[in-house]
Amino acid sequence: MSPLYPIYLKLAGKRVLIVGGGKLALQKVASLEPTGAHIAIVAPCILPDLQARATAGQFTLMQRPYRDADLPGATLVYAATNDSTLNHHIVAEARRLGITVNAVDDPEFSDFYTPSIVRRG
């Protein structure tokens, strides 16, 4: 594998799509909220914590199965379902559209990694 190139992205006002409604999606929402990104989640089932955040208007929720038509307009995509086959399909379609994508269950298949962030104080 080639060395990685570190980068910080300005996501304010940009659409970030998360496909999946479980713990990994919740973690992504929590880390993306401070960036000012327009977060959208598509998933047929979501955690109660995500439902509460959606109801509070913290992100857009499409509570239904993923469709390829969900991708256009996204700057970043996280494929965060519990279905590796679906995640790989999302990655392939995002790449076809020129969208940077991360498959949370398969870092080697992803365009980028999201590092851990430690905040103190």
PDB file of N, CA and C in Angstrom:
ATOM      1  N   MET A   1       0.833  -1.183   0.000  1.00  0.00           N
ATOM      2  CA  MET A   1       0.000   0.000   0.000  1.00  0.00           C
ATOM      3  C   MET A   1       0.874   1.242   0.000  1.00  0.00           C
ATOM      4  N   SER A   2       0.482   2.244  -0.744  1.00  0.00           N
ATOM      5  CA  SER A   2       1.203   3.508  -0.804  1.00  0.00           C
ATOM      6  C   SER A   2       1.008   4.285   0.494  1.00  0.00           C
ATOM      7  N   PRO A   3       1.958   5.145   0.838  1.00  0.00           N
ATOM      8  CA  PRO A   3       1.786   5.984   2.024  1.00  0.00           C
ATOM      9  C   PRO A   3       0.572   6.893   1.861  1.00  0.00           C
ATOM     10  N   LEU A   4      -0.038   7.224   2.987  1.00  0.00           N
ATOM     11  CA  LEU A   4      -1.202   8.110   2.979  1.00  0.00           C
ATOM     12  C   LEU A   4      -0.758   9.565   3.054  1.00  0.00           C
ATOM     13  N   TYR A   5      -1.595  10.452   2.539  1.00  0.00           N
ATOM     14  CA  TYR A   5      -1.339  11.882   2.560  1.00  0.00           C
ATOM     15  C   TYR A   5      -2.345  12.531   3.495  1.00  0.00           C
ATOM     16  N   PRO A   6      -1.890  13.102   4.615  1.00  0.00           N
ATOM     17  CA  PRO A   6      -2.841  13.705   5.567  1.00  0.00           C
ATOM     18  C   PRO A   6      -3.433  14.987   5.005  1.00  0.00           C
ATOM     19  N   ILE A   7      -4.711  15.201   5.329  1.00  0.00           N
ATOM     20  CA  ILE A   7      -5.416  16.370   4.821  1.00  0.00           C
ATOM     21  C   ILE A   7      -6.554  16.731   5.783  1.00  0.00           C
ATOM     22  N   TYR A   8      -6.844  18.008   5.917  1.00  0.00           N
ATOM     23  CA  TYR A   8      -8.003  18.472   6.673  1.00  0.00           C
ATOM     24  C   TYR A   8      -8.955  19.107   5.670  1.00  0.00           C
ATOM     25  N   LEU A   9     -10.204  18.745   5.735  1.00  0.00           N
ATOM     26  CA  LEU A   9     -11.192  19.228   4.780  1.00  0.00           C
ATOM     27  C   LEU A   9     -12.090  20.282   5.406  1.00  0.00           C
ATOM     28  N   LYS A  10     -12.409  21.301   4.646  1.00  0.00           N
ATOM     29  CA  LYS A  10     -13.408  22.289   5.046  1.00  0.00           C
ATOM     30  C   LYS A  10     -14.745  21.766   4.546  1.00  0.00           C
ATOM     31  N   LEU A  11     -15.576  21.297   5.451  1.00  0.00           N
ATOM     32  CA  LEU A  11     -16.847  20.684   5.076  1.00  0.00           C
ATOM     33  C   LEU A  11     -18.051  21.590   5.311  1.00  0.00           C
ATOM     34  N   ALA A  12     -17.835  22.777   5.829  1.00  0.00           N
ATOM     35  CA  ALA A  12     -18.957  23.681   6.092  1.00  0.00           C
ATOM     36  C   ALA A  12     -19.756  23.900   4.813  1.00  0.00           C
ATOM     37  N   GLY A  13     -21.055  23.633   4.911  1.00  0.00           N
ATOM     38  CA  GLY A  13     -21.936  23.815   3.778  1.00  0.00           C
ATOM     39  C   GLY A  13     -21.907  22.699   2.748  1.00  0.00           C
ATOM     40  N   LYS A  14     -21.051  21.719   2.929  1.00  0.00           N
ATOM     41  CA  LYS A  14     -20.941  20.609   1.986  1.00  0.00           C
ATOM     42  C   LYS A  14     -21.813  19.443   2.451  1.00  0.00           C
ATOM     43  N   ARG A  15     -22.345  18.699   1.493  1.00  0.00           N
ATOM     44  CA  ARG A  15     -23.198  17.544   1.815  1.00  0.00           C
ATOM     45  C   ARG A  15     -22.324  16.318   2.064  1.00  0.00           C
ATOM     46  N   VAL A  16     -22.526  15.705   3.220  1.00  0.00           N
ATOM     47  CA  VAL A  16     -21.869  14.449   3.562  1.00  0.00           C
ATOM     48  C   VAL A  16     -22.962  13.413   3.765  1.00  0.00           C
ATOM     49  N   LEU A  17     -22.880  12.323   3.006  1.00  0.00           N
ATOM     50  CA  LEU A  17     -23.880  11.266   3.069  1.00  0.00           C
ATOM     51  C   LEU A  17     -23.347  10.101   3.880  1.00  0.00           C
ATOM     52  N   ILE A  18     -24.154   9.634   4.820  1.00  0.00           N
ATOM     53  CA  ILE A  18     -23.851   8.440   5.598  1.00  0.00           C
ATOM     54  C   ILE A  18     -24.935   7.423   5.274  1.00  0.00           C
ATOM     55  N   VAL A  19     -24.521   6.258   4.792  1.00  0.00           N
ATOM     56  CA  VAL A  19     -25.477   5.194   4.507  1.00  0.00           C
ATOM     57  C   VAL A  19     -25.362   4.184   5.639  1.00  0.00           C
ATOM     58  N   GLY A  20     -26.394   4.096   6.452  1.00  0.00           N
ATOM     59  CA  GLY A  20     -26.397   3.222   7.619  1.00  0.00           C
ATOM     60  C   GLY A  20     -26.930   3.990   8.813  1.00  0.00           C
ATOM     61  N   GLY A  21     -27.526   3.269   9.748  1.00  0.00           N
ATOM     62  CA  GLY A  21     -28.144   3.931  10.879  1.00  0.00           C
ATOM     63  C   GLY A  21     -27.749   3.362  12.223  1.00  0.00           C
ATOM     64  N   GLY A  22     -26.593   2.716  12.301  1.00  0.00           N
ATOM     65  CA  GLY A  22     -26.152   2.092  13.540  1.00  0.00           C
ATOM     66  C   GLY A  22     -25.118   2.909  14.293  1.00  0.00           C
ATOM     67  N   LYS A  23     -24.344   2.210  15.130  1.00  0.00           N
ATOM     68  CA  LYS A  23     -23.356   2.865  15.995  1.00  0.00           C
ATOM     69  C   LYS A  23     -22.305   3.635  15.195  1.00  0.00           C
ATOM     70  N   LEU A  24     -21.862   3.064  14.078  1.00  0.00           N
ATOM     71  CA  LEU A  24     -20.849   3.756  13.284  1.00  0.00           C
ATOM     72  C   LEU A  24     -21.407   5.047  12.686  1.00  0.00           C
ATOM     73  N   ALA A  25     -22.652   5.018  12.258  1.00  0.00           N
ATOM     74  CA  ALA A  25     -23.281   6.230  11.743  1.00  0.00           C
ATOM     75  C   ALA A  25     -23.389   7.288  12.845  1.00  0.00           C
ATOM     76  N   LEU A  26     -23.740   6.861  14.036  1.00  0.00           N
ATOM     77  CA  LEU A  26     -23.830   7.786  15.172  1.00  0.00           C
ATOM     78  C   LEU A  26     -22.472   8.434  15.449  1.00  0.00           C
ATOM     79  N   GLN A  27     -21.414   7.647  15.405  1.00  0.00           N
ATOM     80  CA  GLN A  27     -20.065   8.182  15.611  1.00  0.00           C
ATOM     81  C   GLN A  27     -19.694   9.186  14.524  1.00  0.00           C
ATOM     82  N   LYS A  28     -20.053   8.882  13.290  1.00  0.00           N
ATOM     83  CA  LYS A  28     -19.743   9.800  12.184  1.00  0.00           C
ATOM     84  C   LYS A  28     -20.514  11.111  12.344  1.00  0.00           C
ATOM     85  N   VAL A  29     -21.782  11.025  12.705  1.00  0.00           N
ATOM     86  CA  VAL A  29     -22.577  12.240  12.912  1.00  0.00           C
ATOM     87  C   VAL A  29     -21.942  13.090  14.009  1.00  0.00           C
ATOM     88  N   ALA A  30     -21.582  12.477  15.111  1.00  0.00           N
ATOM     89  CA  ALA A  30     -20.986  13.225  16.225  1.00  0.00           C
ATOM     90  C   ALA A  30     -19.693  13.921  15.810  1.00  0.00           C
ATOM     91  N   SER A  31     -18.891  13.275  14.990  1.00  0.00           N
ATOM     92  CA  SER A  31     -17.624  13.884  14.579  1.00  0.00           C
ATOM     93  C   SER A  31     -17.812  14.916  13.469  1.00  0.00           C
ATOM     94  N   LEU A  32     -18.858  14.787  12.668  1.00  0.00           N
ATOM     95  CA  LEU A  32     -19.093  15.714  11.558  1.00  0.00           C
ATOM     96  C   LEU A  32     -19.866  16.964  11.963  1.00  0.00           C
ATOM     97  N   GLU A  33     -20.695  16.877  12.987  1.00  0.00           N
ATOM     98  CA  GLU A  33     -21.535  18.020  13.382  1.00  0.00           C
ATOM     99  C   GLU A  33     -20.751  19.316  13.573  1.00  0.00           C
ATOM    100  N   PRO A  34     -19.610  19.303  14.283  1.00  0.00           N
ATOM    101  CA  PRO A  34     -18.898  20.568  14.495  1.00  0.00           C
ATOM    102  C   PRO A  34     -18.333  21.191  13.221  1.00  0.00           C
ATOM    103  N   THR A  35     -18.267  20.437  12.127  1.00  0.00           N
ATOM    104  CA  THR A  35     -17.666  20.950  10.891  1.00  0.00           C
ATOM    105  C   THR A  35     -18.594  21.863  10.107  1.00  0.00           C
ATOM    106  N   GLY A  36     -19.890  21.838  10.405  1.00  0.00           N
ATOM    107  CA  GLY A  36     -20.844  22.627   9.645  1.00  0.00           C
ATOM    108  C   GLY A  36     -21.291  21.955   8.360  1.00  0.00           C
ATOM    109  N   ALA A  37     -20.949  20.691   8.196  1.00  0.00           N
ATOM    110  CA  ALA A  37     -21.382  19.933   7.017  1.00  0.00           C
ATOM    111  C   ALA A  37     -22.883  19.738   7.053  1.00  0.00           C
ATOM    112  N   HIS A  38     -23.489  19.634   5.884  1.00  0.00           N
ATOM    113  CA  HIS A  38     -24.894  19.254   5.764  1.00  0.00           C
ATOM    114  C   HIS A  38     -24.922  17.728   5.722  1.00  0.00           C
ATOM    115  N   ILE A  39     -25.247  17.120   6.836  1.00  0.00           N
ATOM    116  CA  ILE A  39     -25.210  15.665   6.973  1.00  0.00           C
ATOM    117  C   ILE A  39     -26.548  15.083   6.548  1.00  0.00           C
ATOM    118  N   ALA A  40     -26.474  14.024   5.763  1.00  0.00           N
ATOM    119  CA  ALA A  40     -27.668  13.286   5.360  1.00  0.00           C
ATOM    120  C   ALA A  40     -27.426  11.817   5.663  1.00  0.00           C
ATOM    121  N   ILE A  41     -28.424  11.170   6.240  1.00  0.00           N
ATOM    122  CA  ILE A  41     -28.351   9.735   6.521  1.00  0.00           C
ATOM    123  C   ILE A  41     -29.468   9.044   5.773  1.00  0.00           C
ATOM    124  N   VAL A  42     -29.118   7.927   5.155  1.00  0.00           N
ATOM    125  CA  VAL A  42     -30.132   7.077   4.546  1.00  0.00           C
ATOM    126  C   VAL A  42     -29.968   5.682   5.143  1.00  0.00           C
ATOM    127  N   ALA A  43     -31.063   5.173   5.716  1.00  0.00           N
ATOM    128  CA  ALA A  43     -31.064   3.838   6.327  1.00  0.00           C
ATOM    129  C   ALA A  43     -32.504   3.455   6.630  1.00  0.00           C
ATOM    130  N   PRO A  44     -32.843   2.187   6.448  1.00  0.00           N
ATOM    131  CA  PRO A  44     -34.209   1.766   6.761  1.00  0.00           C
ATOM    132  C   PRO A  44     -34.489   1.743   8.263  1.00  0.00           C
ATOM    133  N   CYS A  45     -33.464   1.473   9.061  1.00  0.00           N
ATOM    134  CA  CYS A  45     -33.595   1.431  10.526  1.00  0.00           C
ATOM    135  C   CYS A  45     -32.467   2.258  11.123  1.00  0.00           C
ATOM    136  N   ILE A  46     -32.792   3.032  12.167  1.00  0.00           N
ATOM    137  CA  ILE A  46     -31.757   3.830  12.815  1.00  0.00           C
ATOM    138  C   ILE A  46     -31.868   3.712  14.326  1.00  0.00           C
ATOM    139  N   LEU A  47     -30.758   3.994  14.988  1.00  0.00           N
ATOM    140  CA  LEU A  47     -30.729   3.987  16.452  1.00  0.00           C
ATOM    141  C   LEU A  47     -31.618   5.096  17.000  1.00  0.00           C
ATOM    142  N   PRO A  48     -32.190   4.894  18.183  1.00  0.00           N
ATOM    143  CA  PRO A  48     -33.009   5.954  18.801  1.00  0.00           C
ATOM    144  C   PRO A  48     -32.250   7.276  18.957  1.00  0.00           C
ATOM    145  N   ASP A  49     -30.947   7.221  19.276  1.00  0.00           N
ATOM    146  CA  ASP A  49     -30.160   8.457  19.410  1.00  0.00           C
ATOM    147  C   ASP A  49     -30.104   9.219  18.089  1.00  0.00           C
ATOM    148  N   LEU A  50     -29.973   8.495  16.984  1.00  0.00           N
ATOM    149  CA  LEU A  50     -29.975   9.149  15.681  1.00  0.00           C
ATOM    150  C   LEU A  50     -31.353   9.721  15.362  1.00  0.00           C
ATOM    151  N   GLN A  51     -32.398   8.981  15.715  1.00  0.00           N
ATOM    152  CA  GLN A  51     -33.756   9.466  15.480  1.00  0.00           C
ATOM    153  C   GLN A  51     -33.981  10.775  16.231  1.00  0.00           C
ATOM    154  N   ALA A  52     -33.517  10.841  17.465  1.00  0.00           N
ATOM    155  CA  ALA A  52     -33.676  12.059  18.266  1.00  0.00           C
ATOM    156  C   ALA A  52     -32.924  13.228  17.635  1.00  0.00           C
ATOM    157  N   ARG A  53     -31.716  12.982  17.145  1.00  0.00           N
ATOM    158  CA  ARG A  53     -30.937  14.047  16.497  1.00  0.00           C
ATOM    159  C   ARG A  53     -31.603  14.504  15.202  1.00  0.00           C
ATOM    160  N   ALA A  54     -32.162  13.561  14.456  1.00  0.00           N
ATOM    161  CA  ALA A  54     -32.862  13.918  13.212  1.00  0.00           C
ATOM    162  C   ALA A  54     -34.091  14.759  13.526  1.00  0.00           C
ATOM    163  N   THR A  55     -34.834  14.361  14.546  1.00  0.00           N
ATOM    164  CA  THR A  55     -36.026  15.111  14.952  1.00  0.00           C
ATOM    165  C   THR A  55     -35.655  16.525  15.390  1.00  0.00           C
ATOM    166  N   ALA A  56     -34.487  16.668  16.002  1.00  0.00           N
ATOM    167  CA  ALA A  56     -34.008  17.981  16.443  1.00  0.00           C
ATOM    168  C   ALA A  56     -33.438  18.805  15.284  1.00  0.00           C
ATOM    169  N   GLY A  57     -33.414  18.225  14.080  1.00  0.00           N
ATOM    170  CA  GLY A  57     -32.950  18.954  12.907  1.00  0.00           C
ATOM    171  C   GLY A  57     -31.450  18.983  12.730  1.00  0.00           C
ATOM    172  N   GLN A  58     -30.729  18.074  13.381  1.00  0.00           N
ATOM    173  CA  GLN A  58     -29.278  18.082  13.284  1.00  0.00           C
ATOM    174  C   GLN A  58     -28.774  17.518  11.960  1.00  0.00           C
ATOM    175  N   PHE A  59     -29.598  16.761  11.273  1.00  0.00           N
ATOM    176  CA  PHE A  59     -29.239  16.257   9.953  1.00  0.00           C
ATOM    177  C   PHE A  59     -30.512  15.830   9.229  1.00  0.00           C
ATOM    178  N   THR A  60     -30.370  15.573   7.945  1.00  0.00           N
ATOM    179  CA  THR A  60     -31.477  15.105   7.124  1.00  0.00           C
ATOM    180  C   THR A  60     -31.531  13.590   7.193  1.00  0.00           C
ATOM    181  N   LEU A  61     -32.698  13.043   7.421  1.00  0.00           N
ATOM    182  CA  LEU A  61     -32.874  11.594   7.508  1.00  0.00           C
ATOM    183  C   LEU A  61     -33.801  11.121   6.403  1.00  0.00           C
ATOM    184  N   MET A  62     -33.334  10.123   5.674  1.00  0.00           N
ATOM    185  CA  MET A  62     -34.159   9.424   4.696  1.00  0.00           C
ATOM    186  C   MET A  62     -34.284   7.994   5.200  1.00  0.00           C
ATOM    187  N   GLN A  63     -35.363   7.704   5.903  1.00  0.00           N
ATOM    188  CA  GLN A  63     -35.520   6.404   6.538  1.00  0.00           C
ATOM    189  C   GLN A  63     -36.127   5.426   5.537  1.00  0.00           C
ATOM    190  N   ARG A  64     -35.222   4.848   4.756  1.00  0.00           N
ATOM    191  CA  ARG A  64     -35.570   3.910   3.700  1.00  0.00           C
ATOM    192  C   ARG A  64     -34.277   3.257   3.221  1.00  0.00           C
ATOM    193  N   PRO A  65     -34.367   2.235   2.381  1.00  0.00           N
ATOM    194  CA  PRO A  65     -33.144   1.636   1.833  1.00  0.00           C
ATOM    195  C   PRO A  65     -32.382   2.615   0.935  1.00  0.00           C
ATOM    196  N   TYR A  66     -31.074   2.413   0.847  1.00  0.00           N
ATOM    197  CA  TYR A  66     -30.192   3.198  -0.013  1.00  0.00           C
ATOM    198  C   TYR A  66     -30.587   3.037  -1.475  1.00  0.00           C
ATOM    199  N   ARG A  67     -30.428   4.140  -2.227  1.00  0.00           N
ATOM    200  CA  ARG A  67     -30.591   4.139  -3.689  1.00  0.00           C
ATOM    201  C   ARG A  67     -29.367   4.831  -4.284  1.00  0.00           C
ATOM    202  N   ASP A  68     -28.921   4.402  -5.453  1.00  0.00           N
ATOM    203  CA  ASP A  68     -27.786   5.064  -6.099  1.00  0.00           C
ATOM    204  C   ASP A  68     -28.056   6.546  -6.313  1.00  0.00           C
ATOM    205  N   ALA A  69     -29.310   6.931  -6.471  1.00  0.00           N
ATOM    206  CA  ALA A  69     -29.677   8.334  -6.670  1.00  0.00           C
ATOM    207  C   ALA A  69     -29.411   9.192  -5.427  1.00  0.00           C
ATOM    208  N   ASP A  70     -29.061   8.566  -4.286  1.00  0.00           N
ATOM    209  CA  ASP A  70     -28.742   9.316  -3.068  1.00  0.00           C
ATOM    210  C   ASP A  70     -27.366   9.975  -3.142  1.00  0.00           C
ATOM    211  N   LEU A  71     -26.500   9.495  -4.021  1.00  0.00           N
ATOM    212  CA  LEU A  71     -25.107   9.945  -4.051  1.00  0.00           C
ATOM    213  C   LEU A  71     -24.851  11.311  -4.682  1.00  0.00           C
ATOM    214  N   PRO A  72     -25.453  11.629  -5.818  1.00  0.00           N
ATOM    215  CA  PRO A  72     -25.108  12.912  -6.450  1.00  0.00           C
ATOM    216  C   PRO A  72     -25.287  14.102  -5.494  1.00  0.00           C
ATOM    217  N   GLY A  73     -24.302  14.992  -5.548  1.00  0.00           N
ATOM    218  CA  GLY A  73     -24.317  16.174  -4.694  1.00  0.00           C
ATOM    219  C   GLY A  73     -23.519  16.018  -3.418  1.00  0.00           C
ATOM    220  N   ALA A  74     -23.110  14.799  -3.098  1.00  0.00           N
ATOM    221  CA  ALA A  74     -22.315  14.575  -1.886  1.00  0.00           C
ATOM    222  C   ALA A  74     -20.851  14.888  -2.150  1.00  0.00           C
ATOM    223  N   THR A  75     -20.205  15.471  -1.153  1.00  0.00           N
ATOM    224  CA  THR A  75     -18.765  15.701  -1.201  1.00  0.00           C
ATOM    225  C   THR A  75     -18.025  14.485  -0.667  1.00  0.00           C
ATOM    226  N   LEU A  76     -18.565  13.908   0.394  1.00  0.00           N
ATOM    227  CA  LEU A  76     -18.018  12.692   1.014  1.00  0.00           C
ATOM    228  C   LEU A  76     -19.155  11.722   1.241  1.00  0.00           C
ATOM    229  N   VAL A  77     -18.817  10.438   1.201  1.00  0.00           N
ATOM    230  CA  VAL A  77     -19.788   9.390   1.504  1.00  0.00           C
ATOM    231  C   VAL A  77     -19.153   8.400   2.463  1.00  0.00           C
ATOM    232  N   TYR A  78     -19.927   8.017   3.476  1.00  0.00           N
ATOM    233  CA  TYR A  78     -19.554   6.926   4.368  1.00  0.00           C
ATOM    234  C   TYR A  78     -20.517   5.775   4.129  1.00  0.00           C
ATOM    235  N   ALA A  79     -19.991   4.625   3.706  1.00  0.00           N
ATOM    236  CA  ALA A  79     -20.784   3.402   3.579  1.00  0.00           C
ATOM    237  C   ALA A  79     -20.666   2.690   4.918  1.00  0.00           C
ATOM    238  N   ALA A  80     -21.703   2.818   5.756  1.00  0.00           N
ATOM    239  CA  ALA A  80     -21.641   2.359   7.141  1.00  0.00           C
ATOM    240  C   ALA A  80     -22.769   1.386   7.456  1.00  0.00           C
ATOM    241  N   THR A  81     -23.071   0.495   6.509  1.00  0.00           N
ATOM    242  CA  THR A  81     -24.105  -0.501   6.757  1.00  0.00           C
ATOM    243  C   THR A  81     -23.456  -1.752   7.336  1.00  0.00           C
ATOM    244  N   ASN A  82     -24.284  -2.695   7.756  1.00  0.00           N
ATOM    245  CA  ASN A  82     -23.734  -3.968   8.245  1.00  0.00           C
ATOM    246  C   ASN A  82     -23.695  -5.005   7.127  1.00  0.00           C
ATOM    247  N   ASP A  83     -23.766  -4.546   5.886  1.00  0.00           N
ATOM    248  CA  ASP A  83     -23.771  -5.407   4.707  1.00  0.00           C
ATOM    249  C   ASP A  83     -22.562  -5.051   3.839  1.00  0.00           C
ATOM    250  N   SER A  84     -21.517  -5.868   3.888  1.00  0.00           N
ATOM    251  CA  SER A  84     -20.288  -5.585   3.139  1.00  0.00           C
ATOM    252  C   SER A  84     -20.526  -5.494   1.643  1.00  0.00           C
ATOM    253  N   THR A  85     -21.417  -6.324   1.121  1.00  0.00           N
ATOM    254  CA  THR A  85     -21.714  -6.287  -0.313  1.00  0.00           C
ATOM    255  C   THR A  85     -22.317  -4.931  -0.686  1.00  0.00           C
ATOM    256  N   LEU A  86     -23.265  -4.449   0.115  1.00  0.00           N
ATOM    257  CA  LEU A  86     -23.859  -3.144  -0.135  1.00  0.00           C
ATOM    258  C   LEU A  86     -22.812  -2.045   0.006  1.00  0.00           C
ATOM    259  N   ASN A  87     -21.981  -2.124   1.029  1.00  0.00           N
ATOM    260  CA  ASN A  87     -20.927  -1.121   1.208  1.00  0.00           C
ATOM    261  C   ASN A  87     -20.017  -1.067  -0.016  1.00  0.00           C
ATOM    262  N   HIS A  88     -19.642  -2.216  -0.544  1.00  0.00           N
ATOM    263  CA  HIS A  88     -18.771  -2.251  -1.724  1.00  0.00           C
ATOM    264  C   HIS A  88     -19.490  -1.669  -2.943  1.00  0.00           C
ATOM    265  N   HIS A  89     -20.783  -1.917  -3.057  1.00  0.00           N
ATOM    266  CA  HIS A  89     -21.553  -1.339  -4.154  1.00  0.00           C
ATOM    267  C   HIS A  89     -21.575   0.188  -4.039  1.00  0.00           C
ATOM    268  N   ILE A  90     -21.793   0.690  -2.836  1.00  0.00           N
ATOM    269  CA  ILE A  90     -21.816   2.141  -2.606  1.00  0.00           C
ATOM    270  C   ILE A  90     -20.465   2.747  -2.965  1.00  0.00           C
ATOM    271  N   VAL A  91     -19.385   2.097  -2.559  1.00  0.00           N
ATOM    272  CA  VAL A  91     -18.036   2.587  -2.880  1.00  0.00           C
ATOM    273  C   VAL A  91     -17.847   2.639  -4.393  1.00  0.00           C
ATOM    274  N   ALA A  92     -18.213   1.576  -5.090  1.00  0.00           N
ATOM    275  CA  ALA A  92     -18.037   1.536  -6.541  1.00  0.00           C
ATOM    276  C   ALA A  92     -18.845   2.634  -7.230  1.00  0.00           C
ATOM    277  N   GLU A  93     -20.077   2.835  -6.800  1.00  0.00           N
ATOM    278  CA  GLU A  93     -20.930   3.860  -7.421  1.00  0.00           C
ATOM    279  C   GLU A  93     -20.416   5.256  -7.104  1.00  0.00           C
ATOM    280  N   ALA A  94     -19.974   5.489  -5.867  1.00  0.00           N
ATOM    281  CA  ALA A  94     -19.419   6.803  -5.506  1.00  0.00           C
ATOM    282  C   ALA A  94     -18.174   7.097  -6.337  1.00  0.00           C
ATOM    283  N   ARG A  95     -17.307   6.130  -6.485  1.00  0.00           N
ATOM    284  CA  ARG A  95     -16.100   6.332  -7.295  1.00  0.00           C
ATOM    285  C   ARG A  95     -16.460   6.622  -8.749  1.00  0.00           C
ATOM    286  N   ARG A  96     -17.468   5.938  -9.267  1.00  0.00           N
ATOM    287  CA  ARG A  96     -17.899   6.171 -10.646  1.00  0.00           C
ATOM    288  C   ARG A  96     -18.317   7.625 -10.823  1.00  0.00           C
ATOM    289  N   LEU A  97     -18.906   8.208  -9.774  1.00  0.00           N
ATOM    290  CA  LEU A  97     -19.359   9.598  -9.808  1.00  0.00           C
ATOM    291  C   LEU A  97     -18.283  10.596  -9.379  1.00  0.00           C
ATOM    292  N   GLY A  98     -17.108  10.098  -8.999  1.00  0.00           N
ATOM    293  CA  GLY A  98     -16.020  10.974  -8.577  1.00  0.00           C
ATOM    294  C   GLY A  98     -16.178  11.506  -7.167  1.00  0.00           C
ATOM    295  N   ILE A  99     -16.898  10.774  -6.312  1.00  0.00           N
ATOM    296  CA  ILE A  99     -17.123  11.186  -4.929  1.00  0.00           C
ATOM    297  C   ILE A  99     -16.185  10.400  -4.016  1.00  0.00           C
ATOM    298  N   THR A 100     -15.516  11.076  -3.125  1.00  0.00           N
ATOM    299  CA  THR A 100     -14.619  10.441  -2.171  1.00  0.00           C
ATOM    300  C   THR A 100     -15.451   9.643  -1.175  1.00  0.00           C
ATOM    301  N   VAL A 101     -15.047   8.390  -0.928  1.00  0.00           N
ATOM    302  CA  VAL A 101     -15.895   7.473  -0.158  1.00  0.00           C
ATOM    303  C   VAL A 101     -15.074   6.635   0.822  1.00  0.00           C
ATOM    304  N   ASN A 102     -15.718   6.300   1.937  1.00  0.00           N
ATOM    305  CA  ASN A 102     -15.120   5.455   2.966  1.00  0.00           C
ATOM    306  C   ASN A 102     -16.072   4.315   3.276  1.00  0.00           C
ATOM    307  N   ALA A 103     -15.560   3.087   3.191  1.00  0.00           N
ATOM    308  CA  ALA A 103     -16.320   1.911   3.624  1.00  0.00           C
ATOM    309  C   ALA A 103     -15.853   1.598   5.033  1.00  0.00           C
ATOM    310  N   VAL A 104     -16.697   1.836   6.019  1.00  0.00           N
ATOM    311  CA  VAL A 104     -16.260   1.737   7.409  1.00  0.00           C
ATOM    312  C   VAL A 104     -15.827   0.339   7.806  1.00  0.00           C
ATOM    313  N   ASP A 105     -16.301  -0.680   7.094  1.00  0.00           N
ATOM    314  CA  ASP A 105     -15.936  -2.050   7.435  1.00  0.00           C
ATOM    315  C   ASP A 105     -14.731  -2.553   6.648  1.00  0.00           C
ATOM    316  N   ASP A 106     -14.163  -1.714   5.760  1.00  0.00           N
ATOM    317  CA  ASP A 106     -13.091  -2.180   4.879  1.00  0.00           C
ATOM    318  C   ASP A 106     -12.148  -1.030   4.535  1.00  0.00           C
ATOM    319  N   PRO A 107     -11.253  -0.657   5.458  1.00  0.00           N
ATOM    320  CA  PRO A 107     -10.360   0.478   5.214  1.00  0.00           C
ATOM    321  C   PRO A 107      -9.519   0.347   3.947  1.00  0.00           C
ATOM    322  N   GLU A 108      -9.114  -0.857   3.603  1.00  0.00           N
ATOM    323  CA  GLU A 108      -8.290  -1.045   2.413  1.00  0.00           C
ATOM    324  C   GLU A 108      -9.056  -0.707   1.131  1.00  0.00           C
ATOM    325  N   PHE A 109     -10.369  -0.782   1.169  1.00  0.00           N
ATOM    326  CA  PHE A 109     -11.212  -0.503   0.007  1.00  0.00           C
ATOM    327  C   PHE A 109     -11.663   0.955  -0.018  1.00  0.00           C
ATOM    328  N   SER A 110     -11.284   1.729   0.985  1.00  0.00           N
ATOM    329  CA  SER A 110     -11.727   3.111   1.144  1.00  0.00           C
ATOM    330  C   SER A 110     -10.763   4.093   0.493  1.00  0.00           C
ATOM    331  N   ASP A 111     -11.291   5.270   0.130  1.00  0.00           N
ATOM    332  CA  ASP A 111     -10.452   6.334  -0.414  1.00  0.00           C
ATOM    333  C   ASP A 111      -9.725   7.105   0.686  1.00  0.00           C
ATOM    334  N   PHE A 112     -10.249   7.054   1.899  1.00  0.00           N
ATOM    335  CA  PHE A 112      -9.657   7.790   3.012  1.00  0.00           C
ATOM    336  C   PHE A 112      -9.999   7.095   4.324  1.00  0.00           C
ATOM    337  N   TYR A 113      -9.260   7.444   5.356  1.00  0.00           N
ATOM    338  CA  TYR A 113      -9.543   6.980   6.707  1.00  0.00           C
ATOM    339  C   TYR A 113      -9.899   8.208   7.532  1.00  0.00           C
ATOM    340  N   THR A 114     -10.752   8.026   8.501  1.00  0.00           N
ATOM    341  CA  THR A 114     -11.058   9.101   9.433  1.00  0.00           C
ATOM    342  C   THR A 114     -10.322   8.794  10.733  1.00  0.00           C
ATOM    343  N   PRO A 115      -9.336   9.622  11.100  1.00  0.00           N
ATOM    344  CA  PRO A 115      -8.570   9.335  12.308  1.00  0.00           C
ATOM    345  C   PRO A 115      -9.364   9.642  13.572  1.00  0.00           C
ATOM    346  N   SER A 116      -8.934   9.072  14.651  1.00  0.00           N
ATOM    347  CA  SER A 116      -9.503   9.411  15.958  1.00  0.00           C
ATOM    348  C   SER A 116      -9.042  10.802  16.354  1.00  0.00           C
ATOM    349  N   ILE A 117      -9.906  11.503  17.059  1.00  0.00           N
ATOM    350  CA  ILE A 117      -9.568  12.847  17.528  1.00  0.00           C
ATOM    351  C   ILE A 117      -9.758  12.883  19.043  1.00  0.00           C
ATOM    352  N   VAL A 118      -8.754  13.371  19.737  1.00  0.00           N
ATOM    353  CA  VAL A 118      -8.838  13.508  21.186  1.00  0.00           C
ATOM    354  C   VAL A 118      -8.940  14.988  21.487  1.00  0.00           C
ATOM    355  N   ARG A 119      -9.987  15.374  22.210  1.00  0.00           N
ATOM    356  CA  ARG A 119     -10.164  16.764  22.614  1.00  0.00           C
ATOM    357  C   ARG A 119     -10.082  16.830  24.132  1.00  0.00           C
ATOM    358  N   ARG A 120      -9.282  17.747  24.622  1.00  0.00           N
ATOM    359  CA  ARG A 120      -9.150  17.909  26.067  1.00  0.00           C
ATOM    360  C   ARG A 120      -9.575  19.308  26.452  1.00  0.00           C
ATOM    361  N   GLY A 121     -10.201  19.406  27.612  1.00  0.00           N
ATOM    362  CA  GLY A 121     -10.572  20.732  28.107  1.00  0.00           C
ATOM    363  C   GLY A 121     -11.932  21.178  27.653  1.00  0.00           C
TER     364      GLY A 121
END
